[in-house]
PDB file of N, CA and C in Angstrom:
ATOM      1  N   UNK A   1      66.061  70.194  95.686  1.00  0.00           N
ATOM      2  CA  UNK A   1      66.158  71.561  94.764  1.00  0.00           C
ATOM      3  C   UNK A   1      67.448  71.743  94.366  1.00  0.00           C
ATOM      4  N   UNK A   2      67.593  72.284  93.240  1.00  0.00           N
ATOM      5  CA  UNK A   2      68.825  72.559  92.486  1.00  0.00           C
ATOM      6  C   UNK A   2      69.863  73.149  93.350  1.00  0.00           C
ATOM      7  N   UNK A   3      69.630  74.157  94.026  1.00  0.00           N
ATOM      8  CA  UNK A   3      70.497  74.919  94.634  1.00  0.00           C
ATOM      9  C   UNK A   3      70.854  74.349  96.087  1.00  0.00           C
ATOM     10  N   UNK A   4      70.135  73.245  96.447  1.00  0.00           N
ATOM     11  CA  UNK A   4      70.445  72.534  97.647  1.00  0.00           C
ATOM     12  C   UNK A   4      69.495  73.042  98.803  1.00  0.00           C
ATOM     13  N   UNK A   5      68.557  74.122  98.561  1.00  0.00           N
ATOM     14  CA  UNK A   5      67.750  74.452  99.757  1.00  0.00           C
ATOM     15  C   UNK A   5      66.551  73.563  99.959  1.00  0.00           C
ATOM     16  N   UNK A   6      66.021  73.557 101.087  1.00  0.00           N
ATOM     17  CA  UNK A   6      64.825  72.799 101.396  1.00  0.00           C
ATOM     18  C   UNK A   6      63.670  73.584 100.896  1.00  0.00           C
ATOM     19  N   UNK A   7      62.510  73.119 100.615  1.00  0.00           N
ATOM     20  CA  UNK A   7      61.327  73.932 100.169  1.00  0.00           C
ATOM     21  C   UNK A   7      60.939  75.101 101.217  1.00  0.00           C
ATOM     22  N   UNK A   8      61.162  74.882 102.484  1.00  0.00           N
ATOM     23  CA  UNK A   8      60.886  75.806 103.529  1.00  0.00           C
ATOM     24  C   UNK A   8      62.041  77.071 103.347  1.00  0.00           C
ATOM     25  N   UNK A   9      63.189  76.661 103.054  1.00  0.00           N
ATOM     26  CA  UNK A   9      64.325  77.546 102.981  1.00  0.00           C
ATOM     27  C   UNK A   9      63.947  78.575 101.628  1.00  0.00           C
ATOM     28  N   UNK A  10      63.543  77.772 100.733  1.00  0.00           N
ATOM     29  CA  UNK A  10      63.238  78.519  99.340  1.00  0.00           C
ATOM     30  C   UNK A  10      62.168  79.511  99.490  1.00  0.00           C
ATOM     31  N   UNK A  11      61.069  79.076 100.192  1.00  0.00           N
ATOM     32  CA  UNK A  11      60.076  79.941 100.544  1.00  0.00           C
ATOM     33  C   UNK A  11      60.483  81.140 101.300  1.00  0.00           C
ATOM     34  N   UNK A  12      61.187  80.950 102.246  1.00  0.00           N
ATOM     35  CA  UNK A  12      61.834  82.158 103.144  1.00  0.00           C
ATOM     36  C   UNK A  12      62.692  83.036 102.240  1.00  0.00           C
ATOM     37  N   UNK A  13      63.449  82.508 101.438  1.00  0.00           N
ATOM     38  CA  UNK A  13      64.319  83.292 100.453  1.00  0.00           C
ATOM     39  C   UNK A  13      63.460  84.220  99.680  1.00  0.00           C
ATOM     40  N   UNK A  14      62.343  83.688  99.082  1.00  0.00           N
ATOM     41  CA  UNK A  14      61.539  84.380  98.198  1.00  0.00           C
ATOM     42  C   UNK A  14      60.571  85.403  98.967  1.00  0.00           C
ATOM     43  N   UNK A  15      60.522  85.251 100.226  1.00  0.00           N
ATOM     44  CA  UNK A  15      59.507  86.232 100.904  1.00  0.00           C
ATOM     45  C   UNK A  15      60.242  87.096 101.971  1.00  0.00           C
ATOM     46  N   UNK A  16      60.617  86.498 103.213  1.00  0.00           N
ATOM     47  CA  UNK A  16      61.152  87.268 104.153  1.00  0.00           C
ATOM     48  C   UNK A  16      62.488  87.904 103.884  1.00  0.00           C
ATOM     49  N   UNK A  17      63.386  86.921 103.169  1.00  0.00           N
ATOM     50  CA  UNK A  17      64.748  87.396 102.935  1.00  0.00           C
ATOM     51  C   UNK A  17      64.788  88.615 101.914  1.00  0.00           C
ATOM     52  N   UNK A  18      63.765  88.519 101.088  1.00  0.00           N
ATOM     53  CA  UNK A  18      63.589  89.754 100.034  1.00  0.00           C
ATOM     54  C   UNK A  18      63.242  90.880 100.702  1.00  0.00           C
ATOM     55  N   UNK A  19      62.267  90.872 101.622  1.00  0.00           N
ATOM     56  CA  UNK A  19      61.831  91.963 102.441  1.00  0.00           C
ATOM     57  C   UNK A  19      62.900  92.469 103.308  1.00  0.00           C
ATOM     58  N   UNK A  20      63.734  91.541 103.869  1.00  0.00           N
ATOM     59  CA  UNK A  20      64.995  92.014 104.544  1.00  0.00           C
ATOM     60  C   UNK A  20      65.895  92.843 103.741  1.00  0.00           C
ATOM     61  N   UNK A  21      66.118  92.291 102.553  1.00  0.00           N
ATOM     62  CA  UNK A  21      67.009  92.887 101.550  1.00  0.00           C
ATOM     63  C   UNK A  21      66.610  94.449 101.287  1.00  0.00           C
ATOM     64  N   UNK A  22      65.194  94.518 101.129  1.00  0.00           N
ATOM     65  CA  UNK A  22      64.704  95.834 100.750  1.00  0.00           C
ATOM     66  C   UNK A  22      64.529  96.682 102.044  1.00  0.00           C
ATOM     67  N   UNK A  23      64.883  96.230 103.170  1.00  0.00           N
ATOM     68  CA  UNK A  23      64.705  96.926 104.440  1.00  0.00           C
ATOM     69  C   UNK A  23      63.290  97.253 104.926  1.00  0.00           C
ATOM     70  N   UNK A  24      62.353  96.141 104.361  1.00  0.00           N
ATOM     71  CA  UNK A  24      61.033  96.394 104.770  1.00  0.00           C
ATOM     72  C   UNK A  24      60.405  95.207 105.454  1.00  0.00           C
ATOM     73  N   UNK A  25      61.287  94.420 106.375  1.00  0.00           N
ATOM     74  CA  UNK A  25      60.923  93.350 106.987  1.00  0.00           C
ATOM     75  C   UNK A  25      59.833  93.560 108.097  1.00  0.00           C
ATOM     76  N   UNK A  26      59.713  94.845 108.524  1.00  0.00           N
ATOM     77  CA  UNK A  26      58.738  95.203 109.421  1.00  0.00           C
ATOM     78  C   UNK A  26      57.300  95.476 108.927  1.00  0.00           C
ATOM     79  N   UNK A  27      57.304  95.543 107.507  1.00  0.00           N
ATOM     80  CA  UNK A  27      56.101  95.800 106.895  1.00  0.00           C
ATOM     81  C   UNK A  27      55.462  94.631 106.053  1.00  0.00           C
ATOM     82  N   UNK A  28      56.490  93.880 105.443  1.00  0.00           N
ATOM     83  CA  UNK A  28      56.090  92.761 104.549  1.00  0.00           C
ATOM     84  C   UNK A  28      57.125  91.544 104.831  1.00  0.00           C
ATOM     85  N   UNK A  29      56.866  90.528 104.022  1.00  0.00           N
ATOM     86  CA  UNK A  29      57.722  89.294 104.016  1.00  0.00           C
ATOM     87  C   UNK A  29      57.269  88.235 104.835  1.00  0.00           C
ATOM     88  N   UNK A  30      56.413  88.328 105.873  1.00  0.00           N
ATOM     89  CA  UNK A  30      55.930  87.306 106.570  1.00  0.00           C
ATOM     90  C   UNK A  30      54.474  87.743 107.147  1.00  0.00           C
ATOM     91  N   UNK A  31      53.720  86.621 107.698  1.00  0.00           N
ATOM     92  CA  UNK A  31      52.444  86.930 108.233  1.00  0.00           C
ATOM     93  C   UNK A  31      52.446  87.189 109.490  1.00  0.00           C
ATOM     94  N   UNK A  32      52.054  88.477 109.943  1.00  0.00           N
ATOM     95  CA  UNK A  32      52.006  88.877 111.348  1.00  0.00           C
ATOM     96  C   UNK A  32      51.174  90.011 111.446  1.00  0.00           C
ATOM     97  N   UNK A  33      50.482  90.135 112.602  1.00  0.00           N
ATOM     98  CA  UNK A  33      49.584  91.437 113.049  1.00  0.00           C
ATOM     99  C   UNK A  33      50.239  92.700 112.651  1.00  0.00           C
ATOM    100  N   UNK A  34      49.640  93.643 111.862  1.00  0.00           N
ATOM    101  CA  UNK A  34      50.176  94.805 111.598  1.00  0.00           C
ATOM    102  C   UNK A  34      50.963  94.936 110.179  1.00  0.00           C
ATOM    103  N   UNK A  35      51.304  93.720 109.619  1.00  0.00           N
ATOM    104  CA  UNK A  35      51.938  93.863 108.477  1.00  0.00           C
ATOM    105  C   UNK A  35      51.050  93.767 107.187  1.00  0.00           C
ATOM    106  N   UNK A  36      51.525  94.347 106.140  1.00  0.00           N
ATOM    107  CA  UNK A  36      50.803  94.233 104.860  1.00  0.00           C
ATOM    108  C   UNK A  36      50.935  92.965 104.226  1.00  0.00           C
ATOM    109  N   UNK A  37      50.015  92.151 103.738  1.00  0.00           N
ATOM    110  CA  UNK A  37      50.187  90.879 103.267  1.00  0.00           C
ATOM    111  C   UNK A  37      49.307  90.591 101.952  1.00  0.00           C
ATOM    112  N   UNK A  38      50.063  90.215 100.922  1.00  0.00           N
ATOM    113  CA  UNK A  38      49.522  89.621  99.764  1.00  0.00           C
ATOM    114  C   UNK A  38      49.619  88.182  99.896  1.00  0.00           C
ATOM    115  N   UNK A  39      48.811  87.476  99.763  1.00  0.00           N
ATOM    116  CA  UNK A  39      48.808  85.944  99.823  1.00  0.00           C
ATOM    117  C   UNK A  39      48.338  85.087  98.670  1.00  0.00           C
ATOM    118  N   UNK A  40      49.045  83.900  98.560  1.00  0.00           N
ATOM    119  CA  UNK A  40      48.619  83.067  97.452  1.00  0.00           C
ATOM    120  C   UNK A  40      47.950  81.936  98.398  1.00  0.00           C
ATOM    121  N   UNK A  41      46.819  81.296  97.885  1.00  0.00           N
ATOM    122  CA  UNK A  41      46.276  79.975  98.423  1.00  0.00           C
ATOM    123  C   UNK A  41      46.673  78.909  97.398  1.00  0.00           C
ATOM    124  N   UNK A  42      47.299  77.934  98.010  1.00  0.00           N
ATOM    125  CA  UNK A  42      47.715  76.989  97.016  1.00  0.00           C
ATOM    126  C   UNK A  42      47.185  75.630  97.372  1.00  0.00           C
ATOM    127  N   UNK A  43      47.040  74.747  96.364  1.00  0.00           N
ATOM    128  CA  UNK A  43      46.589  73.243  96.450  1.00  0.00           C
ATOM    129  C   UNK A  43      47.873  72.582  96.735  1.00  0.00           C
ATOM    130  N   UNK A  44      47.962  71.939  97.901  1.00  0.00           N
ATOM    131  CA  UNK A  44      49.041  71.130  98.316  1.00  0.00           C
ATOM    132  C   UNK A  44      49.818  71.576  99.340  1.00  0.00           C
ATOM    133  N   UNK A  45      51.078  71.231  99.549  1.00  0.00           N
ATOM    134  CA  UNK A  45      51.990  71.726 100.623  1.00  0.00           C
ATOM    135  C   UNK A  45      53.364  72.017 100.014  1.00  0.00           C
ATOM    136  N   UNK A  46      53.542  73.234  99.645  1.00  0.00           N
ATOM    137  CA  UNK A  46      54.875  73.646  99.243  1.00  0.00           C
ATOM    138  C   UNK A  46      56.007  73.354 100.234  1.00  0.00           C
ATOM    139  N   UNK A  47      55.764  73.380 101.565  1.00  0.00           N
ATOM    140  CA  UNK A  47      56.787  73.222 102.569  1.00  0.00           C
ATOM    141  C   UNK A  47      57.345  71.748 102.398  1.00  0.00           C
ATOM    142  N   UNK A  48      56.658  70.894 101.829  1.00  0.00           N
ATOM    143  CA  UNK A  48      57.114  69.592 101.693  1.00  0.00           C
ATOM    144  C   UNK A  48      57.410  69.208 100.133  1.00  0.00           C
ATOM    145  N   UNK A  49      56.571  69.734  99.326  1.00  0.00           N
ATOM    146  CA  UNK A  49      56.901  69.676  97.876  1.00  0.00           C
ATOM    147  C   UNK A  49      56.732  70.959  97.256  1.00  0.00           C
ATOM    148  N   UNK A  50      57.882  71.561  96.789  1.00  0.00           N
ATOM    149  CA  UNK A  50      58.059  72.839  96.378  1.00  0.00           C
ATOM    150  C   UNK A  50      57.232  73.080  95.046  1.00  0.00           C
ATOM    151  N   UNK A  51      57.120  72.113  94.344  1.00  0.00           N
ATOM    152  CA  UNK A  51      56.280  72.133  93.038  1.00  0.00           C
ATOM    153  C   UNK A  51      54.896  72.621  93.254  1.00  0.00           C
ATOM    154  N   UNK A  52      54.402  72.269  94.467  1.00  0.00           N
ATOM    155  CA  UNK A  52      53.011  72.765  94.745  1.00  0.00           C
ATOM    156  C   UNK A  52      52.920  74.272  94.682  1.00  0.00           C
ATOM    157  N   UNK A  53      53.915  75.029  94.878  1.00  0.00           N
ATOM    158  CA  UNK A  53      53.759  76.487  94.916  1.00  0.00           C
ATOM    159  C   UNK A  53      53.244  76.943  93.546  1.00  0.00           C
ATOM    160  N   UNK A  54      53.095  76.094  92.599  1.00  0.00           N
ATOM    161  CA  UNK A  54      52.535  76.378  91.217  1.00  0.00           C
ATOM    162  C   UNK A  54      51.077  76.093  90.973  1.00  0.00           C
ATOM    163  N   UNK A  55      50.577  75.433  92.146  1.00  0.00           N
ATOM    164  CA  UNK A  55      49.163  75.196  92.132  1.00  0.00           C
ATOM    165  C   UNK A  55      48.380  76.318  92.765  1.00  0.00           C
ATOM    166  N   UNK A  56      48.397  77.444  92.252  1.00  0.00           N
ATOM    167  CA  UNK A  56      47.763  78.679  92.898  1.00  0.00           C
ATOM    168  C   UNK A  56      46.219  78.500  92.793  1.00  0.00           C
ATOM    169  N   UNK A  57      45.514  78.450  93.778  1.00  0.00           N
ATOM    170  CA  UNK A  57      43.953  78.545  93.645  1.00  0.00           C
ATOM    171  C   UNK A  57      43.438  79.885  93.773  1.00  0.00           C
ATOM    172  N   UNK A  58      44.097  80.802  94.487  1.00  0.00           N
ATOM    173  CA  UNK A  58      43.543  82.134  94.767  1.00  0.00           C
ATOM    174  C   UNK A  58      44.564  82.975  95.169  1.00  0.00           C
ATOM    175  N   UNK A  59      44.447  84.363  94.649  1.00  0.00           N
ATOM    176  CA  UNK A  59      45.542  85.419  94.996  1.00  0.00           C
ATOM    177  C   UNK A  59      44.890  86.430  95.807  1.00  0.00           C
ATOM    178  N   UNK A  60      45.318  86.871  96.950  1.00  0.00           N
ATOM    179  CA  UNK A  60      44.873  88.063  97.762  1.00  0.00           C
ATOM    180  C   UNK A  60      45.785  89.168  97.648  1.00  0.00           C
ATOM    181  N   UNK A  61      45.355  90.162  96.979  1.00  0.00           N
ATOM    182  CA  UNK A  61      46.269  91.521  96.529  1.00  0.00           C
ATOM    183  C   UNK A  61      45.459  92.570  97.207  1.00  0.00           C
ATOM    184  N   UNK A  62      46.108  93.366  98.121  1.00  0.00           N
ATOM    185  CA  UNK A  62      45.517  94.389  98.744  1.00  0.00           C
ATOM    186  C   UNK A  62      44.026  94.223  99.294  1.00  0.00           C
ATOM    187  N   UNK A  63      43.803  93.144  99.792  1.00  0.00           N
ATOM    188  CA  UNK A  63      42.525  92.769 100.431  1.00  0.00           C
ATOM    189  C   UNK A  63      41.724  91.849  99.641  1.00  0.00           C
ATOM    190  N   UNK A  64      41.089  92.099  98.369  1.00  0.00           N
ATOM    191  CA  UNK A  64      40.328  91.127  97.755  1.00  0.00           C
ATOM    192  C   UNK A  64      41.090  89.936  97.241  1.00  0.00           C
ATOM    193  N   UNK A  65      40.278  88.882  97.014  1.00  0.00           N
ATOM    194  CA  UNK A  65      40.879  87.737  96.435  1.00  0.00           C
ATOM    195  C   UNK A  65      40.569  87.693  94.874  1.00  0.00           C
ATOM    196  N   UNK A  66      41.572  87.059  94.178  1.00  0.00           N
ATOM    197  CA  UNK A  66      41.481  87.184  92.595  1.00  0.00           C
ATOM    198  C   UNK A  66      41.650  85.711  92.137  1.00  0.00           C
ATOM    199  N   UNK A  67      41.076  85.396  91.024  1.00  0.00           N
ATOM    200  CA  UNK A  67      41.445  84.190  90.269  1.00  0.00           C
ATOM    201  C   UNK A  67      42.697  84.293  89.559  1.00  0.00           C
ATOM    202  N   UNK A  68      43.665  83.238  89.747  1.00  0.00           N
ATOM    203  CA  UNK A  68      44.949  83.453  89.126  1.00  0.00           C
ATOM    204  C   UNK A  68      44.873  83.277  87.509  1.00  0.00           C
ATOM    205  N   UNK A  69      43.935  82.544  87.147  1.00  0.00           N
ATOM    206  CA  UNK A  69      43.642  82.418  85.673  1.00  0.00           C
ATOM    207  C   UNK A  69      43.234  83.755  85.135  1.00  0.00           C
ATOM    208  N   UNK A  70      42.379  84.439  85.604  1.00  0.00           N
ATOM    209  CA  UNK A  70      41.956  85.668  85.247  1.00  0.00           C
ATOM    210  C   UNK A  70      42.975  86.750  85.275  1.00  0.00           C
ATOM    211  N   UNK A  71      43.800  86.658  86.336  1.00  0.00           N
ATOM    212  CA  UNK A  71      44.976  87.632  86.447  1.00  0.00           C
ATOM    213  C   UNK A  71      45.934  87.379  85.277  1.00  0.00           C
ATOM    214  N   UNK A  72      46.226  86.367  85.030  1.00  0.00           N
ATOM    215  CA  UNK A  72      47.146  85.834  83.840  1.00  0.00           C
ATOM    216  C   UNK A  72      46.627  86.261  82.599  1.00  0.00           C
ATOM    217  N   UNK A  73      45.452  85.946  82.304  1.00  0.00           N
ATOM    218  CA  UNK A  73      44.727  86.417  81.008  1.00  0.00           C
ATOM    219  C   UNK A  73      44.678  87.901  80.862  1.00  0.00           C
ATOM    220  N   UNK A  74      44.651  88.695  81.931  1.00  0.00           N
ATOM    221  CA  UNK A  74      44.512  90.135  81.951  1.00  0.00           C
ATOM    222  C   UNK A  74      45.844  90.733  81.529  1.00  0.00           C
ATOM    223  N   UNK A  75      47.095  89.985  81.633  1.00  0.00           N
ATOM    224  CA  UNK A  75      48.329  90.643  81.200  1.00  0.00           C
ATOM    225  C   UNK A  75      48.947  89.741  80.119  1.00  0.00           C
ATOM    226  N   UNK A  76      48.166  88.828  79.498  1.00  0.00           N
ATOM    227  CA  UNK A  76      48.849  87.966  78.472  1.00  0.00           C
ATOM    228  C   UNK A  76      49.358  88.950  77.375  1.00  0.00           C
ATOM    229  N   UNK A  77      50.620  88.565  76.815  1.00  0.00           N
ATOM    230  CA  UNK A  77      51.265  89.403  75.828  1.00  0.00           C
ATOM    231  C   UNK A  77      51.916  90.528  76.394  1.00  0.00           C
ATOM    232  N   UNK A  78      51.811  90.971  77.617  1.00  0.00           N
ATOM    233  CA  UNK A  78      52.427  92.122  78.314  1.00  0.00           C
ATOM    234  C   UNK A  78      53.431  91.645  79.217  1.00  0.00           C
ATOM    235  N   UNK A  79      53.846  90.493  79.477  1.00  0.00           N
ATOM    236  CA  UNK A  79      54.785  90.322  80.482  1.00  0.00           C
ATOM    237  C   UNK A  79      56.113  91.030  80.203  1.00  0.00           C
ATOM    238  N   UNK A  80      56.571  91.743  81.254  1.00  0.00           N
ATOM    239  CA  UNK A  80      57.796  92.383  81.108  1.00  0.00           C
ATOM    240  C   UNK A  80      57.827  93.720  80.420  1.00  0.00           C
ATOM    241  N   UNK A  81      56.664  94.124  79.869  1.00  0.00           N
ATOM    242  CA  UNK A  81      56.552  95.319  79.105  1.00  0.00           C
ATOM    243  C   UNK A  81      56.995  96.640  79.938  1.00  0.00           C
ATOM    244  N   UNK A  82      56.829  96.617  81.174  1.00  0.00           N
ATOM    245  CA  UNK A  82      57.211  97.592  82.002  1.00  0.00           C
ATOM    246  C   UNK A  82      58.750  97.831  82.243  1.00  0.00           C
ATOM    247  N   UNK A  83      59.557  96.951  81.724  1.00  0.00           N
ATOM    248  CA  UNK A  83      61.056  96.992  81.778  1.00  0.00           C
ATOM    249  C   UNK A  83      61.644  97.311  80.366  1.00  0.00           C
ATOM    250  N   UNK A  84      60.843  97.438  79.386  1.00  0.00           N
ATOM    251  CA  UNK A  84      61.205  97.928  78.081  1.00  0.00           C
ATOM    252  C   UNK A  84      61.228  99.399  77.809  1.00  0.00           C
ATOM    253  N   UNK A  85      61.970 100.099  77.002  1.00  0.00           N
ATOM    254  CA  UNK A  85      63.149  99.500  76.381  1.00  0.00           C
ATOM    255  C   UNK A  85      64.411  99.502  77.121  1.00  0.00           C
ATOM    256  N   UNK A  86      64.269 100.011  78.290  1.00  0.00           N
ATOM    257  CA  UNK A  86      65.620 100.227  79.081  1.00  0.00           C
ATOM    258  C   UNK A  86      65.688  99.186  80.099  1.00  0.00           C
ATOM    259  N   UNK A  87      66.580  98.158  80.146  1.00  0.00           N
ATOM    260  CA  UNK A  87      66.617  97.219  81.185  1.00  0.00           C
ATOM    261  C   UNK A  87      67.100  97.871  82.541  1.00  0.00           C
ATOM    262  N   UNK A  88      67.809  99.096  82.553  1.00  0.00           N
ATOM    263  CA  UNK A  88      68.135  99.716  83.756  1.00  0.00           C
ATOM    264  C   UNK A  88      67.089 100.133  84.585  1.00  0.00           C
ATOM    265  N   UNK A  89      65.824 100.240  84.005  1.00  0.00           N
ATOM    266  CA  UNK A  89      64.646 100.597  84.745  1.00  0.00           C
ATOM    267  C   UNK A  89      64.235  99.348  85.629  1.00  0.00           C
ATOM    268  N   UNK A  90      64.637  98.277  85.414  1.00  0.00           N
ATOM    269  CA  UNK A  90      64.286  97.004  86.145  1.00  0.00           C
ATOM    270  C   UNK A  90      65.204  96.589  87.255  1.00  0.00           C
ATOM    271  N   UNK A  91      66.111  97.371  87.439  1.00  0.00           N
ATOM    272  CA  UNK A  91      67.237  96.904  88.476  1.00  0.00           C
ATOM    273  C   UNK A  91      66.666  97.069  89.832  1.00  0.00           C
ATOM    274  N   UNK A  92      67.142  96.286  90.850  1.00  0.00           N
ATOM    275  CA  UNK A  92      66.807  96.277  92.110  1.00  0.00           C
ATOM    276  C   UNK A  92      67.219  97.709  92.753  1.00  0.00           C
ATOM    277  N   UNK A  93      66.473  98.241  93.670  1.00  0.00           N
ATOM    278  CA  UNK A  93      66.944  99.470  94.277  1.00  0.00           C
ATOM    279  C   UNK A  93      68.094  99.234  95.251  1.00  0.00           C
ATOM    280  N   UNK A  94      68.956 100.284  95.379  1.00  0.00           N
ATOM    281  CA  UNK A  94      70.083 100.190  96.321  1.00  0.00           C
ATOM    282  C   UNK A  94      69.705 100.033  97.659  1.00  0.00           C
ATOM    283  N   UNK A  95      70.336  99.167  98.544  1.00  0.00           N
ATOM    284  CA  UNK A  95      70.103  99.077  99.959  1.00  0.00           C
ATOM    285  C   UNK A  95      70.423 100.160 100.703  1.00  0.00           C
ATOM    286  N   UNK A  96      69.566 100.666 101.615  1.00  0.00           N
ATOM    287  CA  UNK A  96      69.896 101.826 102.403  1.00  0.00           C
ATOM    288  C   UNK A  96      70.285 101.322 103.916  1.00  0.00           C
ATOM    289  N   UNK A  97      70.141 100.119 104.168  1.00  0.00           N
ATOM    290  CA  UNK A  97      70.470  99.694 105.665  1.00  0.00           C
ATOM    291  C   UNK A  97      70.888  98.123 105.248  1.00  0.00           C
ATOM    292  N   UNK A  98      71.600  97.592 106.357  1.00  0.00           N
ATOM    293  CA  UNK A  98      72.160  96.153 106.240  1.00  0.00           C
ATOM    294  C   UNK A  98      71.139  95.458 107.217  1.00  0.00           C
ATOM    295  N   UNK A  99      71.095  94.128 106.805  1.00  0.00           N
ATOM    296  CA  UNK A  99      70.045  93.273 107.588  1.00  0.00           C
ATOM    297  C   UNK A  99      70.871  92.850 108.934  1.00  0.00           C
ATOM    298  N   UNK A 100      70.116  92.459 109.795  1.00  0.00           N
ATOM    299  CA  UNK A 100      70.726  91.966 111.093  1.00  0.00           C
ATOM    300  C   UNK A 100      71.610  90.766 110.947  1.00  0.00           C
TER     301      UNK A 100
END
């Protein structure tokens, strides 16, 4: 990988580390009993071949499963519209606590 991370490290950075940054690691960021979980089912093994993360077969959001193709079609032409016209609205929230 370009930044020198292993596939597993990259997945952790995108999931658990993001939750830690937001101070929400007890609610999101990993799969565990009692946590909220939105999941992607992928074809392949992104832990060994990170490009497989793009082979999304199914998306679970707030419980039900969705077709990734239908989700993308539903927002076609609207990517990023929620950040316009003011880029300031898209900034990350300020941290309220520091990670361990």
